[in-house]
Amino acid sequence: MSKNRVRRVVMISLLSAIAVSIVVSGVSKYLPFPILTYLKFDPAEIPAFIALFMLDYKAALGVSIVHYIFLLWFGEFTPIGPTMKFLAVISTIFGWELVGMFSSNTIARLVSASITRALVMTIANIYVLLFIFPDFICYAGRLLGYSECDVWTVLPIMLGLTAVYNVLHVLVLNYFVSKIIADRVSAVIKF
C-alpha cells in the first residue's frame, strides 16, 4: 500500500472515530433548533465534511457510512432516525459535488448542497410524517402553539421550518465550521 493510501485510510478512520465519539459524548443532543426543538444541530456531521474538504467526496461518504452503521446499532429511533441522518449527510455531499463537476464556485456549491439537502429531507419527512409517525405532526403543532391538530396547517409549517434548519445546518456546521477545521488541519498535515 502506498504512503498516500495509508494516510487516506488513517484519515478516514480517525474522522469516523471522531464522528462516533461525538455521538457517544452526547453533544449531538444539546444543540436544538430554537423553534422545533426536536431538530438538533449535529456536530457529528462535521468529520464527514472535513473529509470532503481535505480529501474528496468518496472519503466523506466513507465517514458517513461508518457514522450511519454506528447509529443503526446505538442511535435513537432506529432505523428511521439514523437513515434520516444519513440521507441528510449524503444529500449535502451530493449537492456539493453536483455543482463541483462544473464549477469550483463555493457559493454555487453551497446553494446546491443546501437546496439538495432541503429537498431530499422534505420528501423524506413527508413520507415519515404521513405514513409512519402521523401523531408527531400534532406534537409539532403543540410546539408551534396550535391547540388543535390540523395536519394540513401544521405539516407545511413543519416542512418549511425543517428546510430552514437544514439550510442552516449546511451553512454553519457542514461548511463554515468544517471548513475552518479542515483548513487548519491541512496547514499541518499535507495530502
Protein backbone atom coordinates (compact mmCIF):
# COMPACT_ATOMS: atom_id res chain seq x y z
CA MET A 1 0.00 0.00 0.00
CA SER A 2 1.40 3.43 -0.92
CA LYS A 3 2.16 6.07 1.70
CA ASN A 4 -0.65 8.32 0.41
CA ARG A 5 -3.17 5.47 0.52
CA VAL A 6 -2.18 4.67 4.12
CA ARG A 7 -2.59 8.34 5.08
CA ARG A 8 -6.00 8.39 3.42
CA VAL A 9 -7.20 5.27 5.24
CA VAL A 10 -5.86 6.62 8.54
CA MET A 11 -7.57 9.97 8.00
CA ILE A 12 -10.92 8.36 7.14
CA SER A 13 -10.60 6.08 10.19
CA LEU A 14 -9.76 8.96 12.52
CA LEU A 15 -12.60 11.12 11.22
CA SER A 16 -15.02 8.20 11.54
CA ALA A 17 -13.85 7.64 15.13
CA ILE A 18 -14.35 11.34 15.87
CA ALA A 19 -17.91 11.22 14.48
CA VAL A 20 -18.70 8.21 16.65
CA SER A 21 -17.07 9.88 19.69
CA ILE A 22 -19.24 12.96 19.22
CA VAL A 23 -22.35 10.76 19.21
CA VAL A 24 -21.21 8.81 22.28
CA SER A 25 -20.36 12.03 24.15
CA GLY A 26 -23.97 13.16 23.81
CA VAL A 27 -23.06 16.55 22.33
CA SER A 28 -25.33 15.78 19.37
CA LYS A 29 -28.36 16.11 21.65
CA TYR A 30 -27.65 19.60 23.02
CA LEU A 31 -27.86 22.00 20.08
CA PRO A 32 -31.59 22.27 19.34
CA PHE A 33 -33.14 24.33 16.57
CA PRO A 34 -34.92 27.10 18.50
CA ILE A 35 -38.43 26.61 17.09
CA LEU A 36 -38.81 22.86 16.54
CA THR A 37 -36.61 21.71 19.40
CA TYR A 38 -36.65 18.05 18.34
CA LEU A 39 -34.36 19.08 15.44
CA LYS A 40 -30.75 19.11 16.63
CA PHE A 41 -27.71 20.68 15.01
CA ASP A 42 -25.40 17.68 14.99
CA PRO A 43 -21.64 18.26 15.21
CA ALA A 44 -21.16 14.54 14.43
CA GLU A 45 -21.62 15.52 10.76
CA ILE A 46 -18.52 17.74 10.84
CA PRO A 47 -15.97 14.91 10.36
CA ALA A 48 -17.60 13.84 7.08
CA PHE A 49 -17.30 17.37 5.74
CA ILE A 50 -13.72 17.68 6.95
CA ALA A 51 -13.09 14.55 4.85
CA LEU A 52 -14.88 16.22 1.92
CA PHE A 53 -12.73 19.36 2.13
CA MET A 54 -9.42 17.63 2.89
CA LEU A 55 -9.77 14.55 0.69
CA ASP A 56 -12.80 14.08 -1.57
CA TYR A 57 -16.42 13.01 -1.68
CA LYS A 58 -15.50 9.29 -1.50
CA ALA A 59 -13.77 9.86 1.83
CA ALA A 60 -16.75 11.89 3.06
CA LEU A 61 -19.10 9.05 2.08
CA GLY A 62 -16.83 6.58 3.90
CA VAL A 63 -17.01 8.60 7.12
CA SER A 64 -20.79 8.97 6.66
CA ILE A 65 -21.28 5.23 6.20
CA VAL A 66 -19.31 4.39 9.36
CA HIS A 67 -21.33 7.01 11.27
CA TYR A 68 -24.57 5.55 9.87
CA ILE A 69 -23.66 1.97 10.80
CA PHE A 70 -22.83 3.10 14.33
CA LEU A 71 -26.15 4.95 14.60
CA LEU A 72 -28.04 1.87 13.40
CA TRP A 73 -26.70 -0.02 16.40
CA PHE A 74 -26.73 2.72 19.03
CA GLY A 75 -28.82 5.61 17.68
CA GLU A 76 -32.30 6.78 18.50
CA PHE A 77 -35.44 5.73 16.62
CA THR A 78 -33.52 3.03 14.73
CA PRO A 79 -33.64 2.56 11.75
CA ILE A 80 -35.60 5.72 10.87
CA GLY A 81 -33.52 8.26 12.83
CA PRO A 82 -30.15 7.01 11.54
CA THR A 83 -31.49 6.70 8.00
CA MET A 84 -32.80 10.27 8.05
CA LYS A 85 -29.41 11.49 9.32
CA PHE A 86 -27.62 9.52 6.59
CA LEU A 87 -29.94 10.93 3.91
CA ALA A 88 -29.25 14.46 5.16
CA VAL A 89 -25.48 14.00 5.04
CA ILE A 90 -25.24 12.22 1.69
CA SER A 91 -27.67 14.63 0.02
CA THR A 92 -25.50 17.53 1.19
CA ILE A 93 -22.36 15.85 -0.15
CA PHE A 94 -24.14 15.05 -3.43
CA GLY A 95 -25.35 18.65 -3.81
CA TRP A 96 -21.83 19.96 -3.16
CA GLU A 97 -20.29 17.58 -5.69
CA LEU A 98 -23.02 18.08 -8.31
CA VAL A 99 -22.02 21.70 -8.85
CA GLY A 100 -18.35 20.83 -8.25
CA MET A 101 -18.35 18.85 -11.50
CA PHE A 102 -18.92 22.11 -13.39
CA SER A 103 -17.60 24.88 -11.17
CA SER A 104 -15.37 25.46 -8.16
CA ASN A 105 -17.51 28.42 -7.06
CA THR A 106 -18.08 27.99 -3.32
CA ILE A 107 -21.35 29.93 -3.22
CA ALA A 108 -22.83 27.87 -6.06
CA ARG A 109 -21.75 24.68 -4.30
CA LEU A 110 -23.30 25.85 -1.00
CA VAL A 111 -26.56 26.76 -2.71
CA SER A 112 -26.65 23.36 -4.42
CA ALA A 113 -25.81 21.49 -1.20
CA SER A 114 -28.44 23.44 0.76
CA ILE A 115 -31.19 23.00 -1.82
CA THR A 116 -30.43 19.31 -2.35
CA ARG A 117 -30.48 18.59 1.38
CA ALA A 118 -33.66 20.62 1.95
CA LEU A 119 -35.48 18.89 -0.95
CA VAL A 120 -34.38 15.35 -0.05
CA MET A 121 -35.25 15.85 3.61
CA THR A 122 -38.61 17.45 2.78
CA ILE A 123 -39.57 14.40 0.72
CA ALA A 124 -38.29 12.02 3.41
CA ASN A 125 -40.14 13.95 6.14
CA ILE A 126 -43.40 13.93 4.20
CA TYR A 127 -43.19 10.15 3.92
CA VAL A 128 -42.20 9.59 7.57
CA LEU A 129 -44.72 12.06 8.98
CA LEU A 130 -47.70 10.99 6.90
CA PHE A 131 -47.16 7.23 6.81
CA ILE A 132 -45.04 6.22 9.81
CA PHE A 133 -45.47 8.82 12.58
CA PRO A 134 -48.59 10.87 11.79
CA ASP A 135 -49.15 11.65 15.50
CA PHE A 136 -45.84 13.52 15.50
CA ILE A 137 -47.49 16.27 13.43
CA CYS A 138 -49.79 17.05 16.38
CA TYR A 139 -46.79 17.10 18.75
CA ALA A 140 -45.03 19.61 16.47
CA GLY A 141 -48.26 21.60 16.25
CA ARG A 142 -48.24 21.99 20.03
CA LEU A 143 -44.59 23.16 19.85
CA LEU A 144 -45.72 25.75 17.31
CA GLY A 145 -48.55 26.92 19.59
CA TYR A 146 -51.52 25.22 17.94
CA SER A 147 -54.07 23.83 20.38
CA GLU A 148 -55.93 21.91 17.68
CA CYS A 149 -54.20 19.41 15.43
CA ASP A 150 -54.89 20.44 11.85
CA VAL A 151 -52.45 18.31 9.83
CA TRP A 152 -52.74 20.37 6.67
CA THR A 153 -51.95 23.59 8.56
CA VAL A 154 -49.14 22.23 10.73
CA LEU A 155 -47.38 20.00 8.17
CA PRO A 156 -46.42 22.78 5.70
CA ILE A 157 -45.11 24.92 8.59
CA MET A 158 -43.12 21.95 9.93
CA LEU A 159 -41.67 21.24 6.49
CA GLY A 160 -40.77 24.89 5.92
CA LEU A 161 -39.07 25.23 9.30
CA THR A 162 -37.28 21.90 8.77
CA ALA A 163 -35.98 23.18 5.42
CA VAL A 164 -34.68 26.34 7.16
CA TYR A 165 -33.00 24.13 9.78
CA ASN A 166 -31.38 22.01 7.03
CA VAL A 167 -30.05 25.06 5.18
CA LEU A 168 -28.62 26.48 8.42
CA HIS A 169 -27.04 23.10 9.17
CA VAL A 170 -25.30 23.12 5.79
CA LEU A 171 -24.10 26.71 6.08
CA VAL A 172 -22.97 26.75 9.70
CA LEU A 173 -21.82 23.24 10.65
CA ASN A 174 -21.27 21.46 7.35
CA TYR A 175 -19.48 24.32 5.67
CA PHE A 176 -18.30 27.08 8.00
CA VAL A 177 -17.12 25.04 11.00
CA SER A 178 -15.90 22.07 8.92
CA LYS A 179 -14.00 24.31 6.51
CA ILE A 180 -12.21 26.18 9.30
CA ILE A 181 -11.13 22.89 10.89
CA ALA A 182 -10.13 21.35 7.54
CA ASP A 183 -8.06 24.41 6.63
CA ARG A 184 -6.28 24.39 10.00
CA VAL A 185 -5.56 20.65 9.83
CA SER A 186 -4.46 20.94 6.18
CA ALA A 187 -1.90 23.53 7.21
CA VAL A 188 -0.28 20.89 9.43
CA ILE A 189 -0.96 17.65 7.55
CA LYS A 190 -0.28 17.62 3.81
CA PHE A 191 -2.06 15.20 1.47
